[in-house]
Amino acid sequence: MAQQGQAFANTQLLQLFPTCVWLHDLKPEDYEPLNRRIAPVIRDLVSDKKPSLAGLTWQTHHDLHHEEAFAELTTYARTAARGVLEHLQVDYSDFQITGCWANVNPQQTQHRAHTHPNNFLSGVYYVEVPDGRDGLVFHEPRAQALVISPKVKKLSALTGSEANIEVREGRLVLFPSWLQHSVATTRAEGERISVSFNFMLSDYTEEFSAPRWSNR
């Protein structure tokens, strides 16, 4: 009888239908002055929300990409999105930023699991991350994969139902807009500040419904 390692002539692992998340880290000499410029602008934009939204994430309006203060960040975001589209070999004429807004998470706040409908790509850039680095959580997108969940010896990308991505200042994360994601409760002292983006292929924006915002 052949031993286990000799039972097969060949063994392959095919990772079918992968879900990709792209991490882009800016250079310190680029993100440090950028973050110092935009952090006070963001705080000013949410200053009127703090008294009425205690315990919740504070969000700005959704067209920061049209403001001069965010022009440099918007350029980085468009460059990253263009690279993702090339990596995916998407055949497109152009794409648009359909929304850009800032999030301020005080201590003990969280953001429930959600997606970004009527967009192709979404992203988030981190301006300030207090000690503790609560991550960005992505959730298993395949409902069938959760029908049976046996005990495992060790959780991994092949057996887990969540993936916690480390966030840090100067990091831009891009992901498919349909991928459900959330933010765990912010434990560290201070405020976590991030800027979110949505991208859509221009040809589709003429035919599909535009994103529907529920800005608090």
N, C-alpha and C. Protein backbone atom coordinates (compact mmCIF):
# COMPACT_ATOMS: atom_id res chain seq x y z
N MET A 1 0.85 -1.19 0.00
CA MET A 1 0.00 0.00 0.00
C MET A 1 0.88 1.24 0.00
N ALA A 2 0.56 2.21 -0.87
CA ALA A 2 1.36 3.42 -0.96
C ALA A 2 1.15 4.28 0.28
N GLN A 3 2.25 4.92 0.75
CA GLN A 3 2.12 5.86 1.85
C GLN A 3 1.34 7.09 1.41
N GLN A 4 0.84 7.85 2.37
CA GLN A 4 -0.01 8.98 2.05
C GLN A 4 0.64 9.94 1.07
N GLY A 5 1.92 10.23 1.26
CA GLY A 5 2.62 11.16 0.39
C GLY A 5 2.86 10.62 -1.00
N GLN A 6 2.66 9.31 -1.20
CA GLN A 6 2.91 8.69 -2.51
C GLN A 6 1.63 8.17 -3.15
N ALA A 7 0.47 8.51 -2.60
CA ALA A 7 -0.78 7.94 -3.08
C ALA A 7 -1.19 8.50 -4.43
N PHE A 8 -0.75 9.72 -4.77
CA PHE A 8 -1.19 10.37 -6.00
C PHE A 8 0.02 10.75 -6.84
N ALA A 9 -0.17 10.67 -8.14
CA ALA A 9 0.90 11.07 -9.04
C ALA A 9 1.11 12.58 -9.02
N ASN A 10 0.03 13.34 -8.77
CA ASN A 10 0.13 14.79 -8.76
C ASN A 10 -1.01 15.35 -7.92
N THR A 11 -0.74 16.43 -7.18
CA THR A 11 -1.75 17.11 -6.39
C THR A 11 -1.67 18.60 -6.66
N GLN A 12 -2.82 19.23 -6.90
CA GLN A 12 -2.86 20.66 -7.16
C GLN A 12 -3.93 21.31 -6.28
N LEU A 13 -3.70 22.57 -5.95
CA LEU A 13 -4.70 23.36 -5.25
C LEU A 13 -5.15 24.48 -6.19
N LEU A 14 -6.44 24.46 -6.57
CA LEU A 14 -7.00 25.49 -7.43
C LEU A 14 -7.83 26.44 -6.56
N GLN A 15 -7.45 27.69 -6.47
CA GLN A 15 -8.22 28.66 -5.72
C GLN A 15 -9.18 29.37 -6.68
N LEU A 16 -10.39 28.86 -6.76
CA LEU A 16 -11.38 29.34 -7.71
C LEU A 16 -12.15 30.54 -7.16
N PHE A 17 -12.53 31.44 -8.05
CA PHE A 17 -13.34 32.61 -7.71
C PHE A 17 -12.77 33.39 -6.51
N PRO A 18 -11.51 33.78 -6.58
CA PRO A 18 -10.92 34.50 -5.44
C PRO A 18 -11.53 35.88 -5.27
N THR A 19 -11.58 36.34 -4.04
CA THR A 19 -12.01 37.70 -3.71
C THR A 19 -10.77 38.51 -3.38
N CYS A 20 -10.50 39.53 -4.16
CA CYS A 20 -9.27 40.29 -3.99
C CYS A 20 -9.52 41.58 -3.20
N VAL A 21 -8.56 41.92 -2.36
CA VAL A 21 -8.52 43.20 -1.66
C VAL A 21 -7.12 43.76 -1.88
N TRP A 22 -7.04 45.01 -2.30
CA TRP A 22 -5.76 45.62 -2.66
C TRP A 22 -5.35 46.63 -1.59
N LEU A 23 -4.12 46.52 -1.10
CA LEU A 23 -3.58 47.44 -0.11
C LEU A 23 -2.51 48.31 -0.76
N HIS A 24 -2.65 49.62 -0.60
CA HIS A 24 -1.67 50.56 -1.14
C HIS A 24 -1.17 51.43 0.02
N ASP A 25 0.10 51.36 0.31
CA ASP A 25 0.69 52.16 1.38
C ASP A 25 1.49 53.31 0.78
N LEU A 26 1.08 54.53 1.11
CA LEU A 26 1.83 55.70 0.65
C LEU A 26 3.15 55.80 1.41
N LYS A 27 4.10 56.50 0.83
CA LYS A 27 5.37 56.75 1.49
C LYS A 27 5.16 57.76 2.61
N PRO A 28 5.90 57.61 3.73
CA PRO A 28 5.74 58.56 4.85
C PRO A 28 5.92 60.01 4.43
N GLU A 29 6.85 60.27 3.53
CA GLU A 29 7.08 61.65 3.11
C GLU A 29 5.91 62.21 2.30
N ASP A 30 5.03 61.30 1.84
CA ASP A 30 3.83 61.74 1.11
C ASP A 30 2.61 61.81 2.02
N TYR A 31 2.38 60.75 2.81
CA TYR A 31 1.13 60.74 3.58
C TYR A 31 1.17 61.60 4.83
N GLU A 32 2.33 61.79 5.43
CA GLU A 32 2.37 62.58 6.67
C GLU A 32 1.94 64.03 6.45
N PRO A 33 2.51 64.75 5.47
CA PRO A 33 2.02 66.12 5.25
C PRO A 33 0.59 66.15 4.72
N LEU A 34 0.20 65.15 3.90
CA LEU A 34 -1.16 65.08 3.40
C LEU A 34 -2.15 64.95 4.56
N ASN A 35 -1.87 64.04 5.47
CA ASN A 35 -2.77 63.83 6.60
C ASN A 35 -2.85 65.04 7.52
N ARG A 36 -1.72 65.72 7.70
CA ARG A 36 -1.74 66.92 8.54
C ARG A 36 -2.61 68.01 7.93
N ARG A 37 -2.69 68.06 6.61
CA ARG A 37 -3.51 69.08 5.95
C ARG A 37 -4.99 68.77 6.02
N ILE A 38 -5.36 67.50 5.79
CA ILE A 38 -6.79 67.20 5.65
C ILE A 38 -7.48 66.85 6.97
N ALA A 39 -6.73 66.42 7.99
CA ALA A 39 -7.36 66.06 9.27
C ALA A 39 -8.14 67.23 9.88
N PRO A 40 -7.57 68.43 9.98
CA PRO A 40 -8.37 69.53 10.55
C PRO A 40 -9.55 69.93 9.68
N VAL A 41 -9.42 69.76 8.36
CA VAL A 41 -10.55 70.06 7.46
C VAL A 41 -11.71 69.12 7.76
N ILE A 42 -11.38 67.84 7.94
CA ILE A 42 -12.42 66.84 8.23
C ILE A 42 -13.07 67.12 9.58
N ARG A 43 -12.26 67.42 10.57
CA ARG A 43 -12.83 67.70 11.90
C ARG A 43 -13.77 68.90 11.86
N ASP A 44 -13.42 69.88 11.05
CA ASP A 44 -14.28 71.05 10.93
C ASP A 44 -15.60 70.68 10.26
N LEU A 45 -15.56 69.77 9.28
CA LEU A 45 -16.76 69.38 8.55
C LEU A 45 -17.75 68.61 9.43
N VAL A 46 -17.25 67.91 10.44
CA VAL A 46 -18.14 67.11 11.30
C VAL A 46 -18.42 67.79 12.64
N SER A 47 -17.90 68.99 12.84
CA SER A 47 -18.02 69.63 14.15
C SER A 47 -19.46 69.82 14.58
N ASP A 48 -20.38 70.05 13.63
CA ASP A 48 -21.78 70.27 14.00
C ASP A 48 -22.52 68.98 14.29
N LYS A 49 -21.91 67.81 13.97
CA LYS A 49 -22.59 66.53 14.17
C LYS A 49 -22.32 65.95 15.56
N LYS A 50 -21.26 66.36 16.20
CA LYS A 50 -20.83 65.72 17.44
C LYS A 50 -21.90 65.75 18.54
N PRO A 51 -22.55 66.88 18.80
CA PRO A 51 -23.54 66.87 19.89
C PRO A 51 -24.74 65.97 19.63
N SER A 52 -25.19 65.87 18.37
CA SER A 52 -26.42 65.15 18.07
C SER A 52 -26.19 63.68 17.75
N LEU A 53 -24.94 63.29 17.51
CA LEU A 53 -24.65 61.91 17.13
C LEU A 53 -23.66 61.27 18.08
N ALA A 54 -23.83 61.48 19.34
CA ALA A 54 -22.95 60.89 20.34
C ALA A 54 -23.01 59.36 20.24
N GLY A 55 -21.86 58.72 20.23
CA GLY A 55 -21.80 57.27 20.16
C GLY A 55 -21.87 56.70 18.76
N LEU A 56 -21.97 57.55 17.75
CA LEU A 56 -22.06 57.10 16.37
C LEU A 56 -20.90 57.64 15.55
N THR A 57 -20.67 57.01 14.40
CA THR A 57 -19.67 57.51 13.47
C THR A 57 -20.15 58.82 12.86
N TRP A 58 -19.28 59.80 12.80
CA TRP A 58 -19.61 61.08 12.18
C TRP A 58 -19.14 61.05 10.74
N GLN A 59 -20.01 61.40 9.81
CA GLN A 59 -19.68 61.40 8.39
C GLN A 59 -19.92 62.77 7.77
N THR A 60 -19.10 63.08 6.77
CA THR A 60 -19.25 64.33 6.03
C THR A 60 -20.20 64.11 4.85
N HIS A 61 -20.39 65.14 4.05
CA HIS A 61 -21.12 64.99 2.79
C HIS A 61 -20.28 64.11 1.85
N HIS A 62 -20.86 63.70 0.72
CA HIS A 62 -20.27 62.67 -0.12
C HIS A 62 -19.62 63.18 -1.40
N ASP A 63 -19.23 64.43 -1.44
CA ASP A 63 -18.58 64.93 -2.65
C ASP A 63 -17.26 65.64 -2.33
N LEU A 64 -16.49 65.08 -1.40
CA LEU A 64 -15.19 65.66 -1.06
C LEU A 64 -14.23 65.65 -2.23
N HIS A 65 -14.46 64.75 -3.20
CA HIS A 65 -13.55 64.67 -4.36
C HIS A 65 -13.64 65.90 -5.24
N HIS A 66 -14.63 66.75 -5.00
CA HIS A 66 -14.74 68.01 -5.75
C HIS A 66 -14.08 69.18 -5.02
N GLU A 67 -13.56 68.93 -3.83
CA GLU A 67 -12.98 70.00 -3.04
C GLU A 67 -11.46 70.01 -3.18
N GLU A 68 -10.89 71.22 -3.27
CA GLU A 68 -9.46 71.37 -3.51
C GLU A 68 -8.61 70.73 -2.41
N ALA A 69 -9.10 70.77 -1.18
CA ALA A 69 -8.33 70.22 -0.07
C ALA A 69 -8.06 68.73 -0.23
N PHE A 70 -8.91 68.04 -1.00
CA PHE A 70 -8.79 66.59 -1.15
C PHE A 70 -8.29 66.20 -2.55
N ALA A 71 -7.80 67.16 -3.31
CA ALA A 71 -7.37 66.89 -4.69
C ALA A 71 -6.21 65.89 -4.73
N GLU A 72 -5.23 66.05 -3.84
CA GLU A 72 -4.08 65.14 -3.86
C GLU A 72 -4.51 63.72 -3.50
N LEU A 73 -5.33 63.57 -2.47
CA LEU A 73 -5.81 62.25 -2.09
C LEU A 73 -6.64 61.63 -3.20
N THR A 74 -7.47 62.43 -3.86
CA THR A 74 -8.27 61.93 -4.96
C THR A 74 -7.39 61.41 -6.09
N THR A 75 -6.28 62.07 -6.35
CA THR A 75 -5.35 61.60 -7.38
C THR A 75 -4.78 60.24 -7.02
N TYR A 76 -4.38 60.06 -5.76
CA TYR A 76 -3.88 58.75 -5.32
C TYR A 76 -4.97 57.69 -5.48
N ALA A 77 -6.20 58.02 -5.11
CA ALA A 77 -7.29 57.05 -5.19
C ALA A 77 -7.57 56.65 -6.63
N ARG A 78 -7.57 57.62 -7.54
CA ARG A 78 -7.81 57.31 -8.94
C ARG A 78 -6.68 56.47 -9.52
N THR A 79 -5.44 56.76 -9.12
CA THR A 79 -4.31 55.97 -9.60
C THR A 79 -4.42 54.52 -9.13
N ALA A 80 -4.79 54.34 -7.87
CA ALA A 80 -4.94 52.99 -7.33
C ALA A 80 -6.09 52.25 -8.03
N ALA A 81 -7.22 52.93 -8.23
CA ALA A 81 -8.36 52.29 -8.90
C ALA A 81 -8.01 51.90 -10.34
N ARG A 82 -7.28 52.77 -11.01
CA ARG A 82 -6.87 52.45 -12.38
C ARG A 82 -5.99 51.20 -12.40
N GLY A 83 -5.10 51.07 -11.42
CA GLY A 83 -4.27 49.89 -11.34
C GLY A 83 -5.07 48.63 -11.09
N VAL A 84 -6.10 48.71 -10.25
CA VAL A 84 -6.97 47.56 -9.99
C VAL A 84 -7.70 47.14 -11.26
N LEU A 85 -8.25 48.10 -11.99
CA LEU A 85 -8.97 47.78 -13.22
C LEU A 85 -8.04 47.12 -14.24
N GLU A 86 -6.80 47.58 -14.29
CA GLU A 86 -5.83 46.95 -15.19
C GLU A 86 -5.50 45.54 -14.72
N HIS A 87 -5.34 45.37 -13.42
CA HIS A 87 -5.05 44.04 -12.88
C HIS A 87 -6.18 43.06 -13.19
N LEU A 88 -7.42 43.54 -13.12
CA LEU A 88 -8.57 42.69 -13.41
C LEU A 88 -8.82 42.53 -14.91
N GLN A 89 -8.07 43.28 -15.72
CA GLN A 89 -8.24 43.25 -17.17
C GLN A 89 -9.65 43.66 -17.59
N VAL A 90 -10.18 44.67 -16.90
CA VAL A 90 -11.50 45.20 -17.25
C VAL A 90 -11.37 46.07 -18.49
N ASP A 91 -12.23 45.85 -19.45
CA ASP A 91 -12.25 46.65 -20.68
C ASP A 91 -13.20 47.82 -20.47
N TYR A 92 -12.67 49.02 -20.31
CA TYR A 92 -13.50 50.16 -19.98
C TYR A 92 -12.98 51.40 -20.67
N SER A 93 -13.83 52.38 -20.85
CA SER A 93 -13.41 53.64 -21.46
C SER A 93 -12.94 54.64 -20.41
N ASP A 94 -13.64 54.70 -19.28
CA ASP A 94 -13.26 55.59 -18.19
C ASP A 94 -14.04 55.16 -16.94
N PHE A 95 -13.69 55.72 -15.81
CA PHE A 95 -14.43 55.47 -14.59
C PHE A 95 -14.58 56.77 -13.83
N GLN A 96 -15.54 56.79 -12.91
CA GLN A 96 -15.83 58.00 -12.14
C GLN A 96 -15.80 57.71 -10.65
N ILE A 97 -15.42 58.71 -9.89
CA ILE A 97 -15.63 58.65 -8.45
C ILE A 97 -17.07 59.10 -8.21
N THR A 98 -17.90 58.20 -7.71
CA THR A 98 -19.31 58.52 -7.51
C THR A 98 -19.59 59.02 -6.10
N GLY A 99 -18.61 58.92 -5.23
CA GLY A 99 -18.79 59.43 -3.88
C GLY A 99 -17.48 59.42 -3.12
N CYS A 100 -17.28 60.40 -2.29
CA CYS A 100 -16.10 60.48 -1.44
C CYS A 100 -16.51 61.22 -0.16
N TRP A 101 -16.30 60.58 0.98
CA TRP A 101 -16.72 61.19 2.24
C TRP A 101 -15.75 60.76 3.34
N ALA A 102 -15.71 61.55 4.40
CA ALA A 102 -14.85 61.25 5.54
C ALA A 102 -15.65 60.66 6.68
N ASN A 103 -14.99 59.79 7.45
CA ASN A 103 -15.59 59.15 8.62
C ASN A 103 -14.73 59.47 9.84
N VAL A 104 -15.35 59.85 10.91
CA VAL A 104 -14.64 60.05 12.17
C VAL A 104 -15.26 59.11 13.20
N ASN A 105 -14.45 58.17 13.68
CA ASN A 105 -14.91 57.19 14.66
C ASN A 105 -14.33 57.52 16.03
N PRO A 106 -15.13 58.08 16.94
CA PRO A 106 -14.66 58.25 18.31
C PRO A 106 -14.52 56.89 18.99
N GLN A 107 -13.94 56.88 20.17
CA GLN A 107 -13.80 55.65 20.93
C GLN A 107 -15.17 55.04 21.19
N GLN A 108 -15.24 53.70 21.16
CA GLN A 108 -16.44 52.92 21.43
C GLN A 108 -17.50 53.02 20.33
N THR A 109 -17.12 53.43 19.13
CA THR A 109 -18.07 53.40 18.01
C THR A 109 -17.70 52.26 17.06
N GLN A 110 -18.66 51.90 16.24
CA GLN A 110 -18.44 50.84 15.26
C GLN A 110 -19.27 51.15 14.02
N HIS A 111 -19.07 50.36 12.98
CA HIS A 111 -19.85 50.52 11.75
C HIS A 111 -20.33 49.14 11.33
N ARG A 112 -21.64 48.99 11.22
CA ARG A 112 -22.23 47.68 10.94
C ARG A 112 -21.84 47.18 9.54
N ALA A 113 -22.01 45.89 9.32
CA ALA A 113 -21.68 45.28 8.02
C ALA A 113 -22.57 45.86 6.93
N HIS A 114 -21.97 46.18 5.78
CA HIS A 114 -22.72 46.80 4.69
C HIS A 114 -21.95 46.64 3.39
N THR A 115 -22.59 46.97 2.29
CA THR A 115 -21.97 47.01 0.97
C THR A 115 -22.22 48.39 0.38
N HIS A 116 -21.71 48.63 -0.84
CA HIS A 116 -21.89 49.92 -1.51
C HIS A 116 -22.55 49.69 -2.87
N PRO A 117 -23.88 49.59 -2.91
CA PRO A 117 -24.60 49.26 -4.14
C PRO A 117 -24.35 50.27 -5.27
N ASN A 118 -24.52 49.79 -6.49
CA ASN A 118 -24.41 50.60 -7.71
C ASN A 118 -23.01 51.20 -7.88
N ASN A 119 -22.00 50.48 -7.40
CA ASN A 119 -20.61 50.84 -7.63
C ASN A 119 -19.83 49.58 -7.97
N PHE A 120 -18.67 49.75 -8.59
CA PHE A 120 -17.84 48.61 -8.96
C PHE A 120 -16.72 48.39 -7.94
N LEU A 121 -16.04 49.46 -7.55
CA LEU A 121 -14.98 49.39 -6.55
C LEU A 121 -15.27 50.38 -5.43
N SER A 122 -14.81 50.04 -4.25
CA SER A 122 -14.86 50.97 -3.12
C SER A 122 -13.51 50.97 -2.44
N GLY A 123 -13.27 52.01 -1.67
CA GLY A 123 -11.99 52.10 -0.99
C GLY A 123 -12.06 52.97 0.24
N VAL A 124 -11.03 52.86 1.08
CA VAL A 124 -10.94 53.69 2.27
C VAL A 124 -9.48 54.01 2.53
N TYR A 125 -9.23 55.28 2.84
CA TYR A 125 -7.88 55.76 3.13
C TYR A 125 -7.84 56.21 4.59
N TYR A 126 -6.75 55.90 5.29
CA TYR A 126 -6.66 56.17 6.72
C TYR A 126 -5.79 57.38 7.01
N VAL A 127 -6.43 58.36 7.64
CA VAL A 127 -5.78 59.64 7.95
C VAL A 127 -5.17 59.60 9.35
N GLU A 128 -5.94 59.17 10.32
CA GLU A 128 -5.47 59.03 11.69
C GLU A 128 -5.95 57.69 12.24
N VAL A 129 -5.04 56.93 12.83
CA VAL A 129 -5.37 55.64 13.44
C VAL A 129 -4.77 55.62 14.84
N PRO A 130 -5.59 55.70 15.89
CA PRO A 130 -5.05 55.69 17.25
C PRO A 130 -4.43 54.34 17.59
N ASP A 131 -3.66 54.29 18.65
CA ASP A 131 -3.05 53.04 19.08
C ASP A 131 -4.14 51.98 19.27
N GLY A 132 -3.85 50.77 18.85
CA GLY A 132 -4.83 49.69 18.91
C GLY A 132 -5.14 49.17 17.53
N ARG A 133 -5.18 50.06 16.54
CA ARG A 133 -5.34 49.69 15.14
C ARG A 133 -6.49 48.71 14.91
N ASP A 134 -7.67 49.06 15.37
CA ASP A 134 -8.84 48.24 15.06
C ASP A 134 -8.94 48.12 13.55
N GLY A 135 -9.11 46.89 13.05
CA GLY A 135 -9.02 46.67 11.62
C GLY A 135 -10.30 46.89 10.86
N LEU A 136 -10.20 46.73 9.56
CA LEU A 136 -11.34 46.71 8.66
C LEU A 136 -11.70 45.25 8.44
N VAL A 137 -12.94 44.88 8.74
CA VAL A 137 -13.35 43.48 8.70
C VAL A 137 -14.13 43.19 7.42
N PHE A 138 -13.68 42.19 6.67
CA PHE A 138 -14.41 41.71 5.49
C PHE A 138 -15.07 40.39 5.83
N HIS A 139 -16.31 40.21 5.31
CA HIS A 139 -17.11 39.05 5.66
C HIS A 139 -17.24 38.09 4.47
N GLU A 140 -17.35 36.82 4.79
CA GLU A 140 -17.50 35.76 3.79
C GLU A 140 -18.64 36.09 2.82
N PRO A 141 -18.36 36.22 1.52
CA PRO A 141 -19.42 36.61 0.58
C PRO A 141 -20.23 35.44 0.03
N ARG A 142 -19.78 34.21 0.29
CA ARG A 142 -20.46 33.04 -0.30
C ARG A 142 -21.40 32.43 0.74
N ALA A 143 -22.69 32.64 0.57
CA ALA A 143 -23.64 32.13 1.54
C ALA A 143 -23.53 30.61 1.68
N GLN A 144 -23.27 29.91 0.59
CA GLN A 144 -23.20 28.45 0.63
C GLN A 144 -22.06 27.95 1.52
N ALA A 145 -21.01 28.76 1.65
CA ALA A 145 -19.85 28.33 2.43
C ALA A 145 -20.16 28.24 3.92
N LEU A 146 -21.26 28.87 4.35
CA LEU A 146 -21.60 28.88 5.77
C LEU A 146 -22.64 27.83 6.13
N VAL A 147 -23.03 27.00 5.17
CA VAL A 147 -24.04 25.97 5.45
C VAL A 147 -23.52 24.98 6.49
N ILE A 148 -22.24 24.58 6.35
CA ILE A 148 -21.60 23.70 7.32
C ILE A 148 -20.28 24.35 7.72
N SER A 149 -20.08 24.49 9.02
CA SER A 149 -18.86 25.11 9.51
C SER A 149 -18.25 24.23 10.60
N PRO A 150 -17.46 23.22 10.22
CA PRO A 150 -16.89 22.31 11.22
C PRO A 150 -15.80 22.98 12.05
N LYS A 151 -15.47 22.36 13.18
CA LYS A 151 -14.34 22.84 13.97
C LYS A 151 -13.07 22.66 13.15
N VAL A 152 -12.16 23.61 13.28
CA VAL A 152 -10.89 23.51 12.57
C VAL A 152 -9.75 23.60 13.57
N LYS A 153 -8.60 23.04 13.19
CA LYS A 153 -7.43 23.09 14.06
C LYS A 153 -6.87 24.51 14.13
N LYS A 154 -7.00 25.24 13.01
CA LYS A 154 -6.48 26.59 12.96
C LYS A 154 -7.23 27.36 11.89
N LEU A 155 -7.70 28.55 12.23
CA LEU A 155 -8.38 29.37 11.24
C LEU A 155 -7.38 29.89 10.22
N SER A 156 -7.82 29.96 8.96
CA SER A 156 -6.96 30.45 7.89
C SER A 156 -7.85 31.10 6.84
N ALA A 157 -7.23 31.58 5.76
CA ALA A 157 -7.99 32.18 4.67
C ALA A 157 -8.92 31.15 4.01
N LEU A 158 -8.63 29.86 4.18
CA LEU A 158 -9.44 28.82 3.57
C LEU A 158 -10.60 28.37 4.46
N THR A 159 -10.55 28.70 5.75
CA THR A 159 -11.58 28.21 6.66
C THR A 159 -12.30 29.32 7.43
N GLY A 160 -11.78 30.53 7.44
CA GLY A 160 -12.39 31.61 8.20
C GLY A 160 -13.58 32.21 7.49
N SER A 161 -14.48 32.83 8.26
CA SER A 161 -15.64 33.52 7.68
C SER A 161 -15.48 35.03 7.74
N GLU A 162 -14.40 35.51 8.38
CA GLU A 162 -14.09 36.93 8.43
C GLU A 162 -12.60 37.12 8.23
N ALA A 163 -12.24 38.27 7.68
CA ALA A 163 -10.83 38.63 7.54
C ALA A 163 -10.65 40.03 8.08
N ASN A 164 -9.77 40.18 9.04
CA ASN A 164 -9.51 41.47 9.66
C ASN A 164 -8.24 42.05 9.06
N ILE A 165 -8.38 43.15 8.33
CA ILE A 165 -7.25 43.78 7.66
C ILE A 165 -6.67 44.88 8.55
N GLU A 166 -5.37 44.82 8.78
CA GLU A 166 -4.74 45.85 9.60
C GLU A 166 -4.80 47.19 8.89
N VAL A 167 -5.16 48.21 9.61
CA VAL A 167 -5.20 49.55 9.04
C VAL A 167 -4.10 50.38 9.69
N ARG A 168 -3.61 51.35 8.93
CA ARG A 168 -2.56 52.22 9.43
C ARG A 168 -2.62 53.53 8.67
N GLU A 169 -2.05 54.54 9.23
CA GLU A 169 -2.06 55.85 8.58
C GLU A 169 -1.31 55.76 7.26
N GLY A 170 -1.90 56.37 6.21
CA GLY A 170 -1.30 56.34 4.90
C GLY A 170 -1.64 55.12 4.08
N ARG A 171 -2.51 54.25 4.58
CA ARG A 171 -2.90 53.04 3.83
C ARG A 171 -4.22 53.28 3.11
N LEU A 172 -4.27 52.90 1.84
CA LEU A 172 -5.47 52.96 1.01
C LEU A 172 -5.87 51.53 0.66
N VAL A 173 -7.07 51.13 1.03
CA VAL A 173 -7.58 49.79 0.78
C VAL A 173 -8.66 49.86 -0.28
N LEU A 174 -8.54 49.04 -1.33
CA LEU A 174 -9.57 48.96 -2.37
C LEU A 174 -10.14 47.55 -2.39
N PHE A 175 -11.45 47.45 -2.67
CA PHE A 175 -12.12 46.16 -2.65
C PHE A 175 -13.37 46.23 -3.51
N PRO A 176 -13.93 45.08 -3.92
CA PRO A 176 -15.17 45.10 -4.70
C PRO A 176 -16.30 45.69 -3.87
N SER A 177 -17.11 46.52 -4.48
CA SER A 177 -18.17 47.21 -3.73
C SER A 177 -19.21 46.24 -3.17
N TRP A 178 -19.32 45.05 -3.76
CA TRP A 178 -20.30 44.08 -3.28
C TRP A 178 -19.82 43.33 -2.04
N LEU A 179 -18.54 43.46 -1.68
CA LEU A 179 -17.98 42.70 -0.57
C LEU A 179 -18.41 43.33 0.76
N GLN A 180 -19.11 42.56 1.56
CA GLN A 180 -19.62 43.08 2.83
C GLN A 180 -18.46 43.33 3.80
N HIS A 181 -18.52 44.48 4.48
CA HIS A 181 -17.43 44.86 5.37
C HIS A 181 -18.00 45.64 6.55
N SER A 182 -17.23 45.71 7.63
CA SER A 182 -17.67 46.41 8.83
C SER A 182 -16.44 46.91 9.57
N VAL A 183 -16.70 47.71 10.60
CA VAL A 183 -15.64 48.21 11.48
C VAL A 183 -15.97 47.80 12.89
N ALA A 184 -15.05 47.07 13.53
CA ALA A 184 -15.27 46.64 14.91
C ALA A 184 -15.24 47.85 15.84
N THR A 185 -15.73 47.66 17.04
CA THR A 185 -15.76 48.75 18.01
C THR A 185 -14.36 49.31 18.22
N THR A 186 -14.25 50.62 18.11
CA THR A 186 -12.97 51.29 18.29
C THR A 186 -12.64 51.33 19.78
N ARG A 187 -11.59 50.60 20.16
CA ARG A 187 -11.23 50.48 21.58
C ARG A 187 -10.25 51.56 22.03
N ALA A 188 -9.37 51.96 21.14
CA ALA A 188 -8.30 52.87 21.52
C ALA A 188 -8.83 54.27 21.79
N GLU A 189 -8.11 55.00 22.60
CA GLU A 189 -8.47 56.38 22.87
C GLU A 189 -8.19 57.24 21.64
N GLY A 190 -8.95 58.30 21.49
CA GLY A 190 -8.77 59.17 20.33
C GLY A 190 -9.79 58.87 19.25
N GLU A 191 -9.61 59.47 18.11
CA GLU A 191 -10.54 59.33 16.98
C GLU A 191 -9.83 58.72 15.78
N ARG A 192 -10.51 57.77 15.15
CA ARG A 192 -9.98 57.23 13.90
C ARG A 192 -10.64 58.01 12.76
N ILE A 193 -9.81 58.53 11.88
CA ILE A 193 -10.31 59.32 10.74
C ILE A 193 -9.95 58.62 9.45
N SER A 194 -10.93 58.44 8.59
CA SER A 194 -10.70 57.81 7.29
C SER A 194 -11.52 58.53 6.22
N VAL A 195 -11.13 58.31 4.98
CA VAL A 195 -11.85 58.87 3.84
C VAL A 195 -12.24 57.72 2.92
N SER A 196 -13.53 57.61 2.60
CA SER A 196 -14.03 56.52 1.77
C SER A 196 -14.29 56.99 0.34
N PHE A 197 -14.15 56.06 -0.60
CA PHE A 197 -14.36 56.33 -2.01
C PHE A 197 -15.24 55.26 -2.62
N ASN A 198 -16.02 55.65 -3.63
CA ASN A 198 -16.69 54.71 -4.51
C ASN A 198 -16.32 55.02 -5.96
N PHE A 199 -16.17 53.97 -6.76
CA PHE A 199 -15.83 54.12 -8.17
C PHE A 199 -16.81 53.31 -9.02
N MET A 200 -17.19 53.88 -10.16
CA MET A 200 -18.07 53.18 -11.09
C MET A 200 -17.60 53.42 -12.51
N LEU A 201 -17.74 52.42 -13.37
CA LEU A 201 -17.38 52.55 -14.77
C LEU A 201 -18.31 53.55 -15.44
N SER A 202 -17.74 54.46 -16.20
CA SER A 202 -18.52 55.59 -16.74
C SER A 202 -19.65 55.12 -17.64
N ASP A 203 -19.43 54.07 -18.43
CA ASP A 203 -20.47 53.60 -19.34
C ASP A 203 -21.72 53.18 -18.57
N TYR A 204 -21.54 52.67 -17.36
CA TYR A 204 -22.68 52.20 -16.58
C TYR A 204 -23.41 53.34 -15.90
N THR A 205 -22.71 54.42 -15.58
CA THR A 205 -23.37 55.50 -14.86
C THR A 205 -24.48 56.14 -15.67
N GLU A 206 -24.43 55.99 -16.99
CA GLU A 206 -25.47 56.56 -17.84
C GLU A 206 -26.73 55.71 -17.85
N GLU A 207 -26.61 54.44 -17.42
CA GLU A 207 -27.75 53.52 -17.50
C GLU A 207 -28.24 53.05 -16.14
N PHE A 208 -27.34 52.98 -15.17
CA PHE A 208 -27.70 52.47 -13.84
C PHE A 208 -28.14 53.60 -12.94
N SER A 209 -28.88 53.24 -11.91
CA SER A 209 -29.25 54.24 -10.91
C SER A 209 -28.02 54.69 -10.15
N ALA A 210 -27.94 55.97 -9.86
CA ALA A 210 -26.82 56.48 -9.08
C ALA A 210 -26.90 55.97 -7.64
N PRO A 211 -25.77 55.94 -6.94
CA PRO A 211 -25.79 55.50 -5.53
C PRO A 211 -26.76 56.34 -4.71
N ARG A 212 -27.40 55.70 -3.75
CA ARG A 212 -28.35 56.40 -2.89
C ARG A 212 -27.75 56.56 -1.52
N TRP A 213 -27.48 57.80 -1.16
CA TRP A 213 -26.81 58.06 0.11
C TRP A 213 -27.82 58.25 1.22
N SER A 214 -27.44 57.81 2.41
CA SER A 214 -28.24 58.09 3.61
C SER A 214 -27.31 58.78 4.60
N ASN A 215 -26.91 59.98 4.27
CA ASN A 215 -25.95 60.72 5.08
C ASN A 215 -26.63 61.25 6.34
N ARG A 216 -26.07 60.87 7.50
CA ARG A 216 -26.65 61.31 8.77
C ARG A 216 -26.27 62.75 9.04
